[in-house]
Amino acid sequence: MTRLTENTRARLAGFVACCAVLLLQACASGPQANPRDPLEPFNRKMMEFNEGVDAVALKPAATVYRKVVPPLVRTGVANFFSNLGDAWSAINSALQLKLHDATDNIFRFNINTFFGLGGVLDIASELNIERHKEDFGQTIGRWGVPAGPYLVLPLLGPSTLRDTFVLPVERRGDILANVDPWGAQGGLYVLRAVDIRSNLLRAGEVLDQAALDKYSFTRDAHLQRRRAEIFDSNDADSSGQEPKLETEPDPKTDSALGPAPVGENAPADAPATTATAPSR
């Protein structure tokens, strides 16, 4: 009887210990859960997939492109794609009632297209006409549409539910989507992707060395950058404070990860090292 009692006590002790462990795990995971990233397990897997594709195809091609193609030619390629993006930026600037920015982008597109060899030469920048990059995700965000959960897309990388929803509109606004025949269009898409990736080679090396958790670093940098793009740094509400977006970091749940890596958010938005980066 005594032996039975000792076995029962041992089993009860083990059961209580297991319950305690599970409870501690639940308590630990609760406060650390990021409300901006409820799809984190999926996103991490998708990031691993994208990095695998990048390591096999895109990064090697970008490395060869950077080594073989002269800097002057790479600058012209980047300018060409950036000029195409100025037209879509002008439309989105107008939709956001940023009439001055829309005018600048229209002038940039016309000047570089007609006097800059189709945009290969960035004459507008020499004339101090500023580029204002805008997309449709920024437009609807400006008008109050929330970003929604953070989402990593296959091949396209960091995004949000809002920016994913407007991808069909973004494609219609991309001048390359109207290029015919399809073979030429595909070639231009590949060239743009390789050019963008080549401009991110150094930033990627810095990120690999600096980030303790590359996924969290990239996520926070992307959300902060999109917030800055939607609510320009010189915009403020009536109290003099910058408008607050639903994706603003929570100091209780997000670790301090340092400044955003250059170009680590959607590659197409990253600044080029030798040229103006192409638009999305």
Protein backbone atom coordinates (compact mmCIF):
# COMPACT_ATOMS: atom_id res chain seq x y z
CA MET A 1 0.00 0.00 0.00
CA THR A 2 2.85 2.32 0.86
CA ARG A 3 4.54 1.46 -2.45
CA LEU A 4 1.34 2.28 -4.33
CA THR A 5 1.08 5.59 -2.56
CA GLU A 6 4.67 6.48 -3.45
CA ASN A 7 4.05 5.61 -7.13
CA THR A 8 0.90 7.67 -7.14
CA ARG A 9 2.71 10.61 -5.63
CA ALA A 10 5.48 10.30 -8.19
CA ARG A 11 2.99 10.25 -11.05
CA LEU A 12 1.14 13.23 -9.61
CA ALA A 13 4.39 15.10 -9.23
CA GLY A 14 5.29 14.35 -12.83
CA PHE A 15 1.86 15.45 -14.02
CA VAL A 16 2.10 18.70 -12.07
CA ALA A 17 5.61 19.32 -13.42
CA CYS A 18 4.40 18.82 -17.01
CA CYS A 19 1.48 21.18 -16.45
CA ALA A 20 3.83 23.74 -14.97
CA VAL A 21 6.14 23.54 -17.98
CA LEU A 22 3.24 23.95 -20.41
CA LEU A 23 1.88 26.87 -18.43
CA LEU A 24 5.25 28.59 -18.37
CA GLN A 25 5.58 28.10 -22.13
CA ALA A 26 2.13 29.59 -22.69
CA CYS A 27 2.93 32.56 -20.47
CA ALA A 28 6.25 33.06 -22.20
CA SER A 29 4.78 32.89 -25.70
CA GLY A 30 1.83 35.14 -24.94
CA PRO A 31 3.53 38.50 -24.28
CA GLN A 32 6.16 37.84 -26.98
CA ALA A 33 3.62 37.19 -29.71
CA ASN A 34 3.75 40.04 -32.22
CA PRO A 35 0.26 41.29 -33.10
CA ARG A 36 1.61 42.62 -36.40
CA ASP A 37 2.89 39.20 -37.40
CA PRO A 38 0.34 36.48 -36.58
CA LEU A 39 1.57 34.46 -39.56
CA GLU A 40 5.16 34.31 -38.34
CA PRO A 41 5.64 30.52 -38.72
CA PHE A 42 4.48 30.67 -42.35
CA ASN A 43 6.48 33.84 -43.00
CA ARG A 44 9.68 32.32 -41.66
CA LYS A 45 9.27 29.28 -43.91
CA MET A 46 8.60 31.52 -46.90
CA MET A 47 11.66 33.62 -46.10
CA GLU A 48 13.76 30.45 -46.05
CA PHE A 49 12.33 29.48 -49.44
CA ASN A 50 13.07 32.92 -50.89
CA GLU A 51 16.62 32.86 -49.55
CA GLY A 52 17.11 29.45 -51.11
CA VAL A 53 15.98 30.71 -54.51
CA ASP A 54 18.11 33.81 -54.12
CA ALA A 55 21.21 31.79 -53.23
CA VAL A 56 20.77 29.49 -56.22
CA ALA A 57 19.69 31.93 -58.93
CA LEU A 58 19.35 35.63 -58.23
CA LYS A 59 22.42 36.40 -56.11
CA PRO A 60 24.89 34.61 -58.44
CA ALA A 61 23.39 36.39 -61.45
CA ALA A 62 23.57 39.75 -59.67
CA THR A 63 27.17 39.12 -58.64
CA VAL A 64 28.21 38.33 -62.22
CA TYR A 65 26.22 41.33 -63.49
CA ARG A 66 28.02 43.65 -61.10
CA LYS A 67 31.45 42.27 -61.99
CA VAL A 68 30.99 42.13 -65.77
CA VAL A 69 28.83 45.15 -66.60
CA PRO A 70 30.61 48.54 -66.38
CA PRO A 71 29.30 50.95 -63.71
CA LEU A 72 28.23 53.50 -66.34
CA VAL A 73 26.04 50.92 -68.05
CA ARG A 74 24.54 49.76 -64.75
CA THR A 75 23.73 53.38 -63.94
CA GLY A 76 21.92 53.74 -67.25
CA VAL A 77 19.93 50.53 -66.66
CA ALA A 78 18.88 51.67 -63.17
CA ASN A 79 17.94 55.12 -64.50
CA PHE A 80 15.84 53.57 -67.24
CA PHE A 81 13.72 51.50 -64.86
CA SER A 82 13.47 54.34 -62.36
CA ASN A 83 12.15 56.59 -65.11
CA LEU A 84 9.39 54.10 -65.90
CA GLY A 85 8.42 54.16 -62.23
CA ASP A 86 8.14 57.96 -62.23
CA ALA A 87 5.00 57.77 -64.37
CA TRP A 88 3.20 55.50 -61.88
CA SER A 89 4.51 57.61 -59.00
CA ALA A 90 2.99 60.70 -60.61
CA ILE A 91 -0.44 59.05 -60.74
CA ASN A 92 -0.27 57.95 -57.11
CA SER A 93 0.98 61.35 -55.99
CA ALA A 94 -2.06 62.91 -57.63
CA LEU A 95 -4.38 60.35 -56.01
CA GLN A 96 -2.91 61.37 -52.65
CA LEU A 97 -3.47 65.06 -53.53
CA LYS A 98 0.27 65.69 -53.49
CA LEU A 99 0.05 67.95 -56.50
CA HIS A 100 3.56 69.36 -56.20
CA ASP A 101 5.05 65.85 -56.07
CA ALA A 102 2.87 64.74 -58.99
CA THR A 103 4.10 67.69 -61.05
CA ASP A 104 7.72 66.91 -60.25
CA ASN A 105 7.27 63.28 -61.28
CA ILE A 106 5.54 64.25 -64.53
CA PHE A 107 8.34 66.66 -65.38
CA ARG A 108 10.92 64.03 -64.52
CA PHE A 109 9.30 61.41 -66.73
CA ASN A 110 8.91 63.72 -69.72
CA ILE A 111 12.36 65.29 -69.48
CA ASN A 112 14.21 62.02 -69.02
CA THR A 113 12.15 60.19 -71.65
CA PHE A 114 12.54 62.78 -74.41
CA PHE A 115 15.92 64.30 -73.58
CA GLY A 116 17.56 61.47 -71.62
CA LEU A 117 17.47 58.73 -74.23
CA GLY A 118 14.34 57.09 -72.87
CA GLY A 119 15.44 57.57 -69.28
CA VAL A 120 18.95 56.17 -69.54
CA LEU A 121 20.26 59.62 -68.62
CA ASP A 122 18.83 61.20 -65.48
CA ILE A 123 18.76 64.78 -66.70
CA ALA A 124 15.90 65.71 -64.35
CA SER A 125 18.10 65.11 -61.31
CA GLU A 126 20.75 67.36 -62.82
CA LEU A 127 18.05 70.04 -63.01
CA ASN A 128 17.28 69.45 -59.30
CA ILE A 129 13.81 68.04 -59.99
CA GLU A 130 13.17 65.69 -57.08
CA ARG A 131 11.85 62.16 -57.43
CA HIS A 132 8.89 61.25 -55.21
CA LYS A 133 8.38 57.48 -55.13
CA GLU A 134 4.77 56.45 -54.58
CA ASP A 135 2.78 53.27 -55.17
CA PHE A 136 -0.86 52.26 -54.82
CA GLY A 137 -0.28 50.59 -51.46
CA GLN A 138 0.96 53.93 -50.15
CA THR A 139 -2.03 55.66 -51.71
CA ILE A 140 -4.70 53.59 -50.01
CA GLY A 141 -2.65 53.59 -46.80
CA ARG A 142 -2.62 57.37 -46.95
CA TRP A 143 -6.40 57.32 -47.16
CA GLY A 144 -6.72 55.17 -44.05
CA VAL A 145 -6.62 51.53 -45.20
CA PRO A 146 -4.77 49.58 -42.47
CA ALA A 147 -1.69 47.57 -43.38
CA GLY A 148 -2.96 44.35 -41.87
CA PRO A 149 -0.64 41.48 -40.93
CA TYR A 150 2.95 41.30 -42.11
CA LEU A 151 3.28 38.82 -44.96
CA VAL A 152 6.26 37.33 -46.78
CA LEU A 153 5.37 36.56 -50.40
CA PRO A 154 7.06 33.89 -52.51
CA LEU A 155 9.85 35.46 -54.57
CA LEU A 156 8.55 39.00 -53.90
CA GLY A 157 9.59 39.04 -50.25
CA PRO A 158 8.36 41.29 -47.39
CA SER A 159 4.89 42.79 -47.74
CA THR A 160 1.65 43.32 -45.84
CA LEU A 161 -1.90 42.17 -46.47
CA ARG A 162 -2.78 45.61 -47.83
CA ASP A 163 0.16 45.71 -50.24
CA THR A 164 -0.55 42.15 -51.36
CA PHE A 165 -4.17 43.02 -52.09
CA VAL A 166 -3.17 45.83 -54.47
CA LEU A 167 -0.61 43.79 -56.46
CA PRO A 168 -2.96 43.46 -59.48
CA VAL A 169 -3.32 47.25 -59.56
CA GLU A 170 0.45 47.64 -59.24
CA ARG A 171 0.95 45.36 -62.22
CA ARG A 172 -1.49 47.35 -64.34
CA GLY A 173 0.41 50.49 -63.44
CA ASP A 174 3.77 48.97 -64.41
CA ILE A 175 4.71 50.11 -67.92
CA LEU A 176 6.63 46.88 -68.46
CA ALA A 177 3.34 44.98 -68.24
CA ASN A 178 2.35 46.59 -71.54
CA VAL A 179 5.52 45.63 -73.42
CA ASP A 180 4.96 43.38 -76.42
CA PRO A 181 6.06 40.75 -77.39
CA TRP A 182 6.04 38.71 -74.20
CA GLY A 183 9.64 37.59 -74.66
CA ALA A 184 10.89 41.17 -74.54
CA GLN A 185 8.73 41.83 -71.49
CA GLY A 186 10.15 38.80 -69.68
CA GLY A 187 13.69 39.84 -70.52
CA LEU A 188 13.11 43.32 -69.10
CA TYR A 189 11.61 41.87 -65.91
CA VAL A 190 14.67 39.65 -65.44
CA LEU A 191 17.06 42.53 -66.12
CA ARG A 192 15.25 44.73 -63.61
CA ALA A 193 15.32 42.02 -60.95
CA VAL A 194 19.05 41.38 -61.46
CA ASP A 195 19.83 45.10 -61.42
CA ILE A 196 17.88 45.59 -58.18
CA ARG A 197 19.55 42.58 -56.56
CA SER A 198 23.00 43.78 -57.58
CA ASN A 199 22.37 47.03 -55.73
CA LEU A 200 21.52 45.05 -52.58
CA LEU A 201 24.63 42.88 -52.46
CA ARG A 202 26.47 45.05 -49.95
CA ALA A 203 23.36 45.65 -47.86
CA GLY A 204 22.77 41.90 -47.69
CA GLU A 205 26.29 41.31 -46.40
CA VAL A 206 25.83 43.94 -43.71
CA LEU A 207 22.49 42.42 -42.70
CA ASP A 208 23.96 38.93 -42.42
CA GLN A 209 26.67 40.22 -40.10
CA ALA A 210 24.60 42.63 -38.01
CA ALA A 211 21.26 40.95 -37.35
CA LEU A 212 20.90 38.46 -34.53
CA ASP A 213 17.54 37.40 -35.96
CA LYS A 214 17.47 38.22 -39.65
CA TYR A 215 13.76 37.58 -39.94
CA SER A 216 12.76 39.98 -37.14
CA PHE A 217 15.23 42.58 -38.35
CA THR A 218 13.84 42.45 -41.88
CA ARG A 219 10.22 42.52 -40.72
CA ASP A 220 10.66 45.51 -38.43
CA ALA A 221 12.70 47.40 -41.02
CA HIS A 222 10.06 46.80 -43.69
CA LEU A 223 7.14 47.92 -41.52
CA GLN A 224 9.01 51.03 -40.36
CA ARG A 225 9.99 51.93 -43.92
CA ARG A 226 6.44 51.55 -45.21
CA ARG A 227 5.19 53.71 -42.36
CA ALA A 228 7.72 56.40 -43.29
CA GLU A 229 6.70 56.19 -46.95
CA ILE A 230 3.00 56.60 -46.20
CA PHE A 231 3.38 59.30 -43.56
CA ASP A 232 6.16 61.51 -44.88
CA SER A 233 8.61 62.73 -42.28
CA ASN A 234 7.45 66.31 -42.70
CA ASP A 235 3.78 65.42 -42.17
CA ALA A 236 2.27 66.03 -38.74
CA ASP A 237 -1.15 66.21 -37.23
CA SER A 238 -2.61 69.20 -35.48
CA SER A 239 -0.69 68.44 -32.29
CA GLY A 240 2.59 68.55 -34.18
CA GLN A 241 3.15 64.81 -33.91
CA GLU A 242 3.62 62.45 -36.83
CA PRO A 243 0.50 60.35 -37.52
CA LYS A 244 0.60 56.98 -35.84
CA LEU A 245 0.16 53.87 -37.94
CA GLU A 246 -1.21 50.58 -36.73
CA THR A 247 2.17 48.94 -37.41
CA GLU A 248 4.18 51.13 -35.06
CA PRO A 249 6.56 48.94 -33.01
CA ASP A 250 5.44 47.95 -29.54
CA PRO A 251 8.34 48.36 -27.10
CA LYS A 252 6.87 45.60 -24.93
CA THR A 253 6.87 43.01 -27.69
CA ASP A 254 9.62 44.05 -30.11
CA SER A 255 13.28 43.96 -29.30
CA ALA A 256 15.51 46.85 -30.25
CA LEU A 257 17.00 45.73 -33.52
CA GLY A 258 18.78 48.90 -34.55
CA PRO A 259 18.33 50.95 -37.72
CA ALA A 260 16.69 49.54 -40.80
CA PRO A 261 19.08 47.93 -43.26
CA VAL A 262 19.46 49.78 -46.52
CA GLY A 263 17.20 48.32 -49.15
CA GLU A 264 16.07 45.42 -47.08
CA ASN A 265 12.54 45.89 -47.40
CA ALA A 266 11.12 45.31 -50.81
CA PRO A 267 14.10 45.17 -53.01
CA ALA A 268 12.62 47.43 -55.59
CA ASP A 269 12.44 50.25 -53.07
CA ALA A 270 16.09 50.04 -52.10
CA PRO A 271 18.51 52.81 -53.03
CA ALA A 272 21.13 51.82 -55.56
CA THR A 273 24.81 52.12 -54.77
CA THR A 274 25.76 53.38 -58.20
CA ALA A 275 22.50 54.66 -59.58
CA THR A 276 18.98 55.64 -58.75
CA ALA A 277 17.16 52.47 -57.85
CA PRO A 278 14.38 51.29 -60.16
CA SER A 279 10.83 51.59 -58.96
CA ARG A 280 8.53 48.66 -58.28
